[in-house]
PDB file of N, CA and C in Angstrom:
ATOM      1  N   MET A   1       8.055  86.540 289.077  1.00  0.00           N
ATOM      2  CA  MET A   1       9.287  87.222 288.748  1.00  0.00           C
ATOM      3  C   MET A   1       9.439  88.491 289.568  1.00  0.00           C
ATOM      4  N   SER A   2       8.398  89.006 290.193  1.00  0.00           N
ATOM      5  CA  SER A   2       8.496  90.260 290.927  1.00  0.00           C
ATOM      6  C   SER A   2       9.435  90.149 292.126  1.00  0.00           C
ATOM      7  N   GLY A   3       9.764  88.947 292.586  1.00  0.00           N
ATOM      8  CA  GLY A   3      10.708  88.769 293.670  1.00  0.00           C
ATOM      9  C   GLY A   3      12.123  89.171 293.298  1.00  0.00           C
ATOM     10  N   TYR A   4      12.390  89.346 292.032  1.00  0.00           N
ATOM     11  CA  TYR A   4      13.722  89.711 291.567  1.00  0.00           C
ATOM     12  C   TYR A   4      13.872  91.203 291.309  1.00  0.00           C
ATOM     13  N   VAL A   5      12.801  91.969 291.502  1.00  0.00           N
ATOM     14  CA  VAL A   5      12.829  93.392 291.202  1.00  0.00           C
ATOM     15  C   VAL A   5      12.886  94.177 292.508  1.00  0.00           C
ATOM     16  N   ILE A   6      13.824  95.094 292.573  1.00  0.00           N
ATOM     17  CA  ILE A   6      13.929  95.976 293.727  1.00  0.00           C
ATOM     18  C   ILE A   6      13.639  97.381 293.251  1.00  0.00           C
ATOM     19  N   LYS A   7      12.631  98.009 293.816  1.00  0.00           N
ATOM     20  CA  LYS A   7      12.278  99.368 293.416  1.00  0.00           C
ATOM     21  C   LYS A   7      13.161 100.342 294.179  1.00  0.00           C
ATOM     22  N   ILE A   8      13.831 101.212 293.445  1.00  0.00           N
ATOM     23  CA  ILE A   8      14.687 102.229 294.047  1.00  0.00           C
ATOM     24  C   ILE A   8      13.933 103.551 293.964  1.00  0.00           C
ATOM     25  N   PRO A   9      13.591 104.134 295.112  1.00  0.00           N
ATOM     26  CA  PRO A   9      12.826 105.386 295.068  1.00  0.00           C
ATOM     27  C   PRO A   9      13.644 106.519 294.458  1.00  0.00           C
ATOM     28  N   GLN A  10      12.942 107.433 293.809  1.00  0.00           N
ATOM     29  CA  GLN A  10      13.600 108.572 293.184  1.00  0.00           C
ATOM     30  C   GLN A  10      14.159 109.483 294.259  1.00  0.00           C
ATOM     31  N   GLU A  11      15.345 109.994 294.011  1.00  0.00           N
ATOM     32  CA  GLU A  11      15.962 110.924 294.948  1.00  0.00           C
ATOM     33  C   GLU A  11      15.361 112.310 294.772  1.00  0.00           C
ATOM     34  N   LYS A  12      15.428 113.097 295.842  1.00  0.00           N
ATOM     35  CA  LYS A  12      14.950 114.471 295.745  1.00  0.00           C
ATOM     36  C   LYS A  12      15.845 115.280 294.815  1.00  0.00           C
ATOM     37  N   GLU A  13      17.150 115.028 294.905  1.00  0.00           N
ATOM     38  CA  GLU A  13      18.076 115.675 293.983  1.00  0.00           C
ATOM     39  C   GLU A  13      17.944 115.008 292.631  1.00  0.00           C
ATOM     40  N   ASN A  14      17.981 115.771 291.609  1.00  0.00           N
ATOM     41  CA  ASN A  14      17.841 115.204 290.277  1.00  0.00           C
ATOM     42  C   ASN A  14      19.208 115.129 289.592  1.00  0.00           C
ATOM     43  N   ARG A  15      20.141 114.395 290.210  1.00  0.00           N
ATOM     44  CA  ARG A  15      21.474 114.233 289.637  1.00  0.00           C
ATOM     45  C   ARG A  15      21.492 113.006 288.735  1.00  0.00           C
ATOM     46  N   THR A  16      22.251 113.087 287.684  1.00  0.00           N
ATOM     47  CA  THR A  16      22.368 111.937 286.792  1.00  0.00           C
ATOM     48  C   THR A  16      23.309 110.911 287.416  1.00  0.00           C
ATOM     49  N   ILE A  17      23.289 109.727 286.894  1.00  0.00           N
ATOM     50  CA  ILE A  17      24.147 108.650 287.377  1.00  0.00           C
ATOM     51  C   ILE A  17      25.625 108.973 287.167  1.00  0.00           C
ATOM     52  N   TRP A  18      25.933 109.835 286.214  1.00  0.00           N
ATOM     53  CA  TRP A  18      27.316 110.151 285.878  1.00  0.00           C
ATOM     54  C   TRP A  18      27.997 111.017 286.929  1.00  0.00           C
ATOM     55  N   SER A  19      27.229 111.709 287.763  1.00  0.00           N
ATOM     56  CA  SER A  19      27.833 112.599 288.753  1.00  0.00           C
ATOM     57  C   SER A  19      27.503 112.190 290.189  1.00  0.00           C
ATOM     58  N   ARG A  20      27.111 110.961 290.394  1.00  0.00           N
ATOM     59  CA  ARG A  20      26.808 110.460 291.737  1.00  0.00           C
ATOM     60  C   ARG A  20      27.945 109.580 292.219  1.00  0.00           C
ATOM     61  N   GLN A  21      28.200 109.628 293.506  1.00  0.00           N
ATOM     62  CA  GLN A  21      29.199 108.752 294.110  1.00  0.00           C
ATOM     63  C   GLN A  21      28.624 107.335 294.138  1.00  0.00           C
ATOM     64  N   LEU A  22      29.201 106.457 293.351  1.00  0.00           N
ATOM     65  CA  LEU A  22      28.712 105.080 293.251  1.00  0.00           C
ATOM     66  C   LEU A  22      29.857 104.094 293.315  1.00  0.00           C
ATOM     67  N   ARG A  23      29.569 102.927 293.851  1.00  0.00           N
ATOM     68  CA  ARG A  23      30.478 101.793 293.736  1.00  0.00           C
ATOM     69  C   ARG A  23      30.010 101.038 292.494  1.00  0.00           C
ATOM     70  N   VAL A  24      30.919 100.816 291.544  1.00  0.00           N
ATOM     71  CA  VAL A  24      30.521 100.281 290.241  1.00  0.00           C
ATOM     72  C   VAL A  24      31.310  99.023 289.904  1.00  0.00           C
ATOM     73  N   ALA A  25      30.585  98.035 289.377  1.00  0.00           N
ATOM     74  CA  ALA A  25      31.191  96.790 288.902  1.00  0.00           C
ATOM     75  C   ALA A  25      30.629  96.503 287.512  1.00  0.00           C
ATOM     76  N   ALA A  26      31.299  95.617 286.798  1.00  0.00           N
ATOM     77  CA  ALA A  26      30.834  95.222 285.470  1.00  0.00           C
ATOM     78  C   ALA A  26      30.748  93.702 285.405  1.00  0.00           C
ATOM     79  N   TYR A  27      29.910  93.226 284.499  1.00  0.00           N
ATOM     80  CA  TYR A  27      29.797  91.788 284.255  1.00  0.00           C
ATOM     81  C   TYR A  27      30.055  91.534 282.776  1.00  0.00           C
ATOM     82  N   CYS A  28      30.998  90.663 282.487  1.00  0.00           N
ATOM     83  CA  CYS A  28      31.357  90.320 281.110  1.00  0.00           C
ATOM     84  C   CYS A  28      31.198  88.817 280.919  1.00  0.00           C
ATOM     85  N   ARG A  29      30.814  88.431 279.685  1.00  0.00           N
ATOM     86  CA  ARG A  29      30.602  87.010 279.434  1.00  0.00           C
ATOM     87  C   ARG A  29      30.809  86.692 277.971  1.00  0.00           C
ATOM     88  N   VAL A  30      31.335  85.516 277.730  1.00  0.00           N
ATOM     89  CA  VAL A  30      31.349  84.920 276.399  1.00  0.00           C
ATOM     90  C   VAL A  30      30.716  83.539 276.531  1.00  0.00           C
ATOM     91  N   SER A  31      30.204  83.035 275.427  1.00  0.00           N
ATOM     92  CA  SER A  31      29.438  81.788 275.524  1.00  0.00           C
ATOM     93  C   SER A  31      30.124  80.567 274.939  1.00  0.00           C
ATOM     94  N   THR A  32      31.298  80.734 274.355  1.00  0.00           N
ATOM     95  CA  THR A  32      32.003  79.577 273.798  1.00  0.00           C
ATOM     96  C   THR A  32      33.470  79.629 274.196  1.00  0.00           C
ATOM     97  N   PRO A  33      34.146  78.499 274.189  1.00  0.00           N
ATOM     98  CA  PRO A  33      35.561  78.471 274.580  1.00  0.00           C
ATOM     99  C   PRO A  33      36.533  78.794 273.440  1.00  0.00           C
ATOM    100  N   TYR A  34      36.012  79.216 272.289  1.00  0.00           N
ATOM    101  CA  TYR A  34      36.889  79.484 271.146  1.00  0.00           C
ATOM    102  C   TYR A  34      37.838  80.644 271.432  1.00  0.00           C
ATOM    103  N   GLU A  35      39.003  80.614 270.819  1.00  0.00           N
ATOM    104  CA  GLU A  35      40.046  81.619 271.052  1.00  0.00           C
ATOM    105  C   GLU A  35      39.541  83.036 270.783  1.00  0.00           C
ATOM    106  N   GLU A  36      38.745  83.217 269.720  1.00  0.00           N
ATOM    107  CA  GLU A  36      38.223  84.543 269.409  1.00  0.00           C
ATOM    108  C   GLU A  36      37.366  85.071 270.560  1.00  0.00           C
ATOM    109  N   GLN A  37      36.602  84.173 271.163  1.00  0.00           N
ATOM    110  CA  GLN A  37      35.749  84.562 272.289  1.00  0.00           C
ATOM    111  C   GLN A  37      36.605  84.942 273.501  1.00  0.00           C
ATOM    112  N   GLN A  38      37.690  84.223 273.725  1.00  0.00           N
ATOM    113  CA  GLN A  38      38.567  84.539 274.851  1.00  0.00           C
ATOM    114  C   GLN A  38      39.179  85.928 274.693  1.00  0.00           C
ATOM    115  N   LYS A  39      39.558  86.262 273.470  1.00  0.00           N
ATOM    116  CA  LYS A  39      40.079  87.602 273.207  1.00  0.00           C
ATOM    117  C   LYS A  39      38.995  88.646 273.435  1.00  0.00           C
ATOM    118  N   SER A  40      37.777  88.313 273.076  1.00  0.00           N
ATOM    119  CA  SER A  40      36.649  89.216 273.289  1.00  0.00           C
ATOM    120  C   SER A  40      36.428  89.452 274.782  1.00  0.00           C
ATOM    121  N   LEU A  41      36.532  88.396 275.567  1.00  0.00           N
ATOM    122  CA  LEU A  41      36.348  88.530 277.011  1.00  0.00           C
ATOM    123  C   LEU A  41      37.423  89.434 277.600  1.00  0.00           C
ATOM    124  N   GLU A  42      38.664  89.241 277.178  1.00  0.00           N
ATOM    125  CA  GLU A  42      39.757  90.094 277.653  1.00  0.00           C
ATOM    126  C   GLU A  42      39.504  91.554 277.288  1.00  0.00           C
ATOM    127  N   LYS A  43      39.021  91.796 276.070  1.00  0.00           N
ATOM    128  CA  LYS A  43      38.737  93.163 275.631  1.00  0.00           C
ATOM    129  C   LYS A  43      37.584  93.771 276.419  1.00  0.00           C
ATOM    130  N   GLN A  44      36.556  92.969 276.693  1.00  0.00           N
ATOM    131  CA  GLN A  44      35.429  93.460 277.487  1.00  0.00           C
ATOM    132  C   GLN A  44      35.894  93.887 278.877  1.00  0.00           C
ATOM    133  N   ILE A  45      36.685  93.030 279.511  1.00  0.00           N
ATOM    134  CA  ILE A  45      37.174  93.317 280.856  1.00  0.00           C
ATOM    135  C   ILE A  45      38.013  94.590 280.857  1.00  0.00           C
ATOM    136  N   LYS A  46      38.903  94.713 279.903  1.00  0.00           N
ATOM    137  CA  LYS A  46      39.760  95.908 279.817  1.00  0.00           C
ATOM    138  C   LYS A  46      38.915  97.162 279.580  1.00  0.00           C
ATOM    139  N   TYR A  47      37.969  97.084 278.655  1.00  0.00           N
ATOM    140  CA  TYR A  47      37.130  98.233 278.322  1.00  0.00           C
ATOM    141  C   TYR A  47      36.348  98.724 279.539  1.00  0.00           C
ATOM    142  N   PHE A  48      35.654  97.813 280.213  1.00  0.00           N
ATOM    143  CA  PHE A  48      34.809  98.235 281.320  1.00  0.00           C
ATOM    144  C   PHE A  48      35.621  98.672 282.539  1.00  0.00           C
ATOM    145  N   THR A  49      36.773  98.073 282.751  1.00  0.00           N
ATOM    146  CA  THR A  49      37.648  98.521 283.838  1.00  0.00           C
ATOM    147  C   THR A  49      38.057  99.971 283.597  1.00  0.00           C
ATOM    148  N   GLN A  50      38.523 100.274 282.398  1.00  0.00           N
ATOM    149  CA  GLN A  50      38.936 101.641 282.070  1.00  0.00           C
ATOM    150  C   GLN A  50      37.754 102.604 282.092  1.00  0.00           C
ATOM    151  N   TYR A  51      36.617 102.166 281.595  1.00  0.00           N
ATOM    152  CA  TYR A  51      35.419 103.012 281.537  1.00  0.00           C
ATOM    153  C   TYR A  51      34.987 103.434 282.939  1.00  0.00           C
ATOM    154  N   ILE A  52      34.956 102.484 283.845  1.00  0.00           N
ATOM    155  CA  ILE A  52      34.536 102.780 285.222  1.00  0.00           C
ATOM    156  C   ILE A  52      35.561 103.675 285.906  1.00  0.00           C
ATOM    157  N   LYS A  53      36.828 103.358 285.759  1.00  0.00           N
ATOM    158  CA  LYS A  53      37.880 104.125 286.435  1.00  0.00           C
ATOM    159  C   LYS A  53      38.014 105.547 285.901  1.00  0.00           C
ATOM    160  N   ARG A  54      37.539 105.790 284.695  1.00  0.00           N
ATOM    161  CA  ARG A  54      37.620 107.122 284.097  1.00  0.00           C
ATOM    162  C   ARG A  54      36.692 108.131 284.779  1.00  0.00           C
ATOM    163  N   ASN A  55      35.622 107.656 285.382  1.00  0.00           N
ATOM    164  CA  ASN A  55      34.672 108.565 286.023  1.00  0.00           C
ATOM    165  C   ASN A  55      35.150 108.863 287.442  1.00  0.00           C
ATOM    166  N   PRO A  56      35.465 110.122 287.755  1.00  0.00           N
ATOM    167  CA  PRO A  56      36.008 110.454 289.074  1.00  0.00           C
ATOM    168  C   PRO A  56      35.008 110.270 290.218  1.00  0.00           C
ATOM    169  N   PHE A  57      33.733 110.165 289.915  1.00  0.00           N
ATOM    170  CA  PHE A  57      32.717 109.977 290.946  1.00  0.00           C
ATOM    171  C   PHE A  57      32.500 108.508 291.301  1.00  0.00           C
ATOM    172  N   TRP A  58      32.961 107.622 290.442  1.00  0.00           N
ATOM    173  CA  TRP A  58      32.723 106.198 290.645  1.00  0.00           C
ATOM    174  C   TRP A  58      33.911 105.536 291.316  1.00  0.00           C
ATOM    175  N   ARG A  59      33.625 104.569 292.167  1.00  0.00           N
ATOM    176  CA  ARG A  59      34.663 103.754 292.790  1.00  0.00           C
ATOM    177  C   ARG A  59      34.607 102.362 292.161  1.00  0.00           C
ATOM    178  N   PHE A  60      35.671 101.981 291.498  1.00  0.00           N
ATOM    179  CA  PHE A  60      35.745 100.676 290.840  1.00  0.00           C
ATOM    180  C   PHE A  60      35.754  99.576 291.898  1.00  0.00           C
ATOM    181  N   VAL A  61      34.856  98.621 291.753  1.00  0.00           N
ATOM    182  CA  VAL A  61      34.771  97.502 292.690  1.00  0.00           C
ATOM    183  C   VAL A  61      35.391  96.247 292.094  1.00  0.00           C
ATOM    184  N   ALA A  62      34.883  95.827 290.926  1.00  0.00           N
ATOM    185  CA  ALA A  62      35.368  94.586 290.320  1.00  0.00           C
ATOM    186  C   ALA A  62      34.775  94.414 288.933  1.00  0.00           C
ATOM    187  N   VAL A  63      35.373  93.483 288.195  1.00  0.00           N
ATOM    188  CA  VAL A  63      34.772  92.996 286.964  1.00  0.00           C
ATOM    189  C   VAL A  63      34.545  91.512 287.180  1.00  0.00           C
ATOM    190  N   TYR A  64      33.313  91.104 287.034  1.00  0.00           N
ATOM    191  CA  TYR A  64      32.945  89.697 287.149  1.00  0.00           C
ATOM    192  C   TYR A  64      32.837  89.147 285.740  1.00  0.00           C
ATOM    193  N   ALA A  65      33.291  87.923 285.544  1.00  0.00           N
ATOM    194  CA  ALA A  65      33.300  87.376 284.186  1.00  0.00           C
ATOM    195  C   ALA A  65      33.012  85.883 284.196  1.00  0.00           C
ATOM    196  N   ASP A  66      32.409  85.445 283.116  1.00  0.00           N
ATOM    197  CA  ASP A  66      32.119  84.019 282.924  1.00  0.00           C
ATOM    198  C   ASP A  66      32.389  83.631 281.490  1.00  0.00           C
ATOM    199  N   ASN A  67      32.779  82.392 281.330  1.00  0.00           N
ATOM    200  CA  ASN A  67      32.902  81.765 280.026  1.00  0.00           C
ATOM    201  C   ASN A  67      31.880  80.635 280.045  1.00  0.00           C
ATOM    202  N   ALA A  68      30.619  81.006 279.783  1.00  0.00           N
ATOM    203  CA  ALA A  68      29.546  80.031 279.936  1.00  0.00           C
ATOM    204  C   ALA A  68      28.379  80.364 279.017  1.00  0.00           C
ATOM    205  N   SER A  69      27.559  79.375 278.788  1.00  0.00           N
ATOM    206  CA  SER A  69      26.363  79.545 277.985  1.00  0.00           C
ATOM    207  C   SER A  69      25.411  80.518 278.656  1.00  0.00           C
ATOM    208  N   GLY A  70      24.636  81.206 277.842  1.00  0.00           N
ATOM    209  CA  GLY A  70      23.675  82.160 278.369  1.00  0.00           C
ATOM    210  C   GLY A  70      22.340  81.555 278.750  1.00  0.00           C
ATOM    211  N   LEU A  71      22.211  80.248 278.659  1.00  0.00           N
ATOM    212  CA  LEU A  71      20.914  79.623 278.900  1.00  0.00           C
ATOM    213  C   LEU A  71      20.484  79.653 280.363  1.00  0.00           C
ATOM    214  N   HIS A  72      21.405  79.448 281.283  1.00  0.00           N
ATOM    215  CA  HIS A  72      21.027  79.360 282.691  1.00  0.00           C
ATOM    216  C   HIS A  72      21.981  80.173 283.557  1.00  0.00           C
ATOM    217  N   ALA A  73      21.437  81.144 284.264  1.00  0.00           N
ATOM    218  CA  ALA A  73      22.265  82.003 285.124  1.00  0.00           C
ATOM    219  C   ALA A  73      22.889  81.212 286.268  1.00  0.00           C
ATOM    220  N   LYS A  74      22.247  80.121 286.681  1.00  0.00           N
ATOM    221  CA  LYS A  74      22.788  79.349 287.802  1.00  0.00           C
ATOM    222  C   LYS A  74      24.109  78.666 287.443  1.00  0.00           C
ATOM    223  N   ASN A  75      24.384  78.534 286.147  1.00  0.00           N
ATOM    224  CA  ASN A  75      25.636  77.923 285.695  1.00  0.00           C
ATOM    225  C   ASN A  75      26.738  78.940 285.447  1.00  0.00           C
ATOM    226  N   ARG A  76      26.541  80.160 285.920  1.00  0.00           N
ATOM    227  CA  ARG A  76      27.529  81.222 285.734  1.00  0.00           C
ATOM    228  C   ARG A  76      28.073  81.663 287.089  1.00  0.00           C
ATOM    229  N   PRO A  77      29.192  81.119 287.537  1.00  0.00           N
ATOM    230  CA  PRO A  77      29.710  81.453 288.873  1.00  0.00           C
ATOM    231  C   PRO A  77      30.082  82.925 289.036  1.00  0.00           C
ATOM    232  N   GLY A  78      30.590  83.563 287.995  1.00  0.00           N
ATOM    233  CA  GLY A  78      30.926  84.981 288.096  1.00  0.00           C
ATOM    234  C   GLY A  78      29.689  85.839 288.320  1.00  0.00           C
ATOM    235  N   TYR A  79      28.626  85.511 287.613  1.00  0.00           N
ATOM    236  CA  TYR A  79      27.360  86.230 287.755  1.00  0.00           C
ATOM    237  C   TYR A  79      26.780  86.021 289.149  1.00  0.00           C
ATOM    238  N   GLN A  80      26.819  84.782 289.617  1.00  0.00           N
ATOM    239  CA  GLN A  80      26.293  84.482 290.952  1.00  0.00           C
ATOM    240  C   GLN A  80      27.094  85.210 292.029  1.00  0.00           C
ATOM    241  N   LYS A  81      28.414  85.278 291.884  1.00  0.00           N
ATOM    242  CA  LYS A  81      29.249  85.999 292.846  1.00  0.00           C
ATOM    243  C   LYS A  81      28.922  87.490 292.831  1.00  0.00           C
ATOM    244  N   MET A  82      28.698  88.042 291.641  1.00  0.00           N
ATOM    245  CA  MET A  82      28.334  89.443 291.537  1.00  0.00           C
ATOM    246  C   MET A  82      27.035  89.721 292.299  1.00  0.00           C
ATOM    247  N   LEU A  83      26.034  88.885 292.116  1.00  0.00           N
ATOM    248  CA  LEU A  83      24.761  89.068 292.815  1.00  0.00           C
ATOM    249  C   LEU A  83      24.952  88.933 294.334  1.00  0.00           C
ATOM    250  N   LYS A  84      25.733  87.961 294.752  1.00  0.00           N
ATOM    251  CA  LYS A  84      25.992  87.765 296.175  1.00  0.00           C
ATOM    252  C   LYS A  84      26.695  88.989 296.770  1.00  0.00           C
ATOM    253  N   ASP A  85      27.698  89.500 296.062  1.00  0.00           N
ATOM    254  CA  ASP A  85      28.418  90.680 296.525  1.00  0.00           C
ATOM    255  C   ASP A  85      27.510  91.906 296.587  1.00  0.00           C
ATOM    256  N   CYS A  86      26.602  92.042 295.623  1.00  0.00           N
ATOM    257  CA  CYS A  86      25.670  93.161 295.615  1.00  0.00           C
ATOM    258  C   CYS A  86      24.734  93.114 296.824  1.00  0.00           C
ATOM    259  N   ARG A  87      24.340  91.933 297.213  1.00  0.00           N
ATOM    260  CA  ARG A  87      23.444  91.794 298.370  1.00  0.00           C
ATOM    261  C   ARG A  87      24.139  92.184 299.680  1.00  0.00           C
ATOM    262  N   LYS A  88      25.464  92.030 299.710  1.00  0.00           N
ATOM    263  CA  LYS A  88      26.227  92.412 300.905  1.00  0.00           C
ATOM    264  C   LYS A  88      26.152  93.907 301.083  1.00  0.00           C
TER     265      LYS A  88
END
């Protein structure tokens, strides 16, 4: 599993994440196709979009979302796209 971990060295400046210039994205997911879950997904997307955009230091990139079971990450196209975009 260590192939999935990237160590980020500590910065000399001790700034918190809230005041650093960052490109920020969110990942939202629901696990069933029921209407209540769809409303939950919409609320998650809206919440995280507003949350990220509220911080003047952060640059909103995207919200990735899936309507899929949590059992296997390979079956989540939104999650896979997020990882691919992060590697870029």
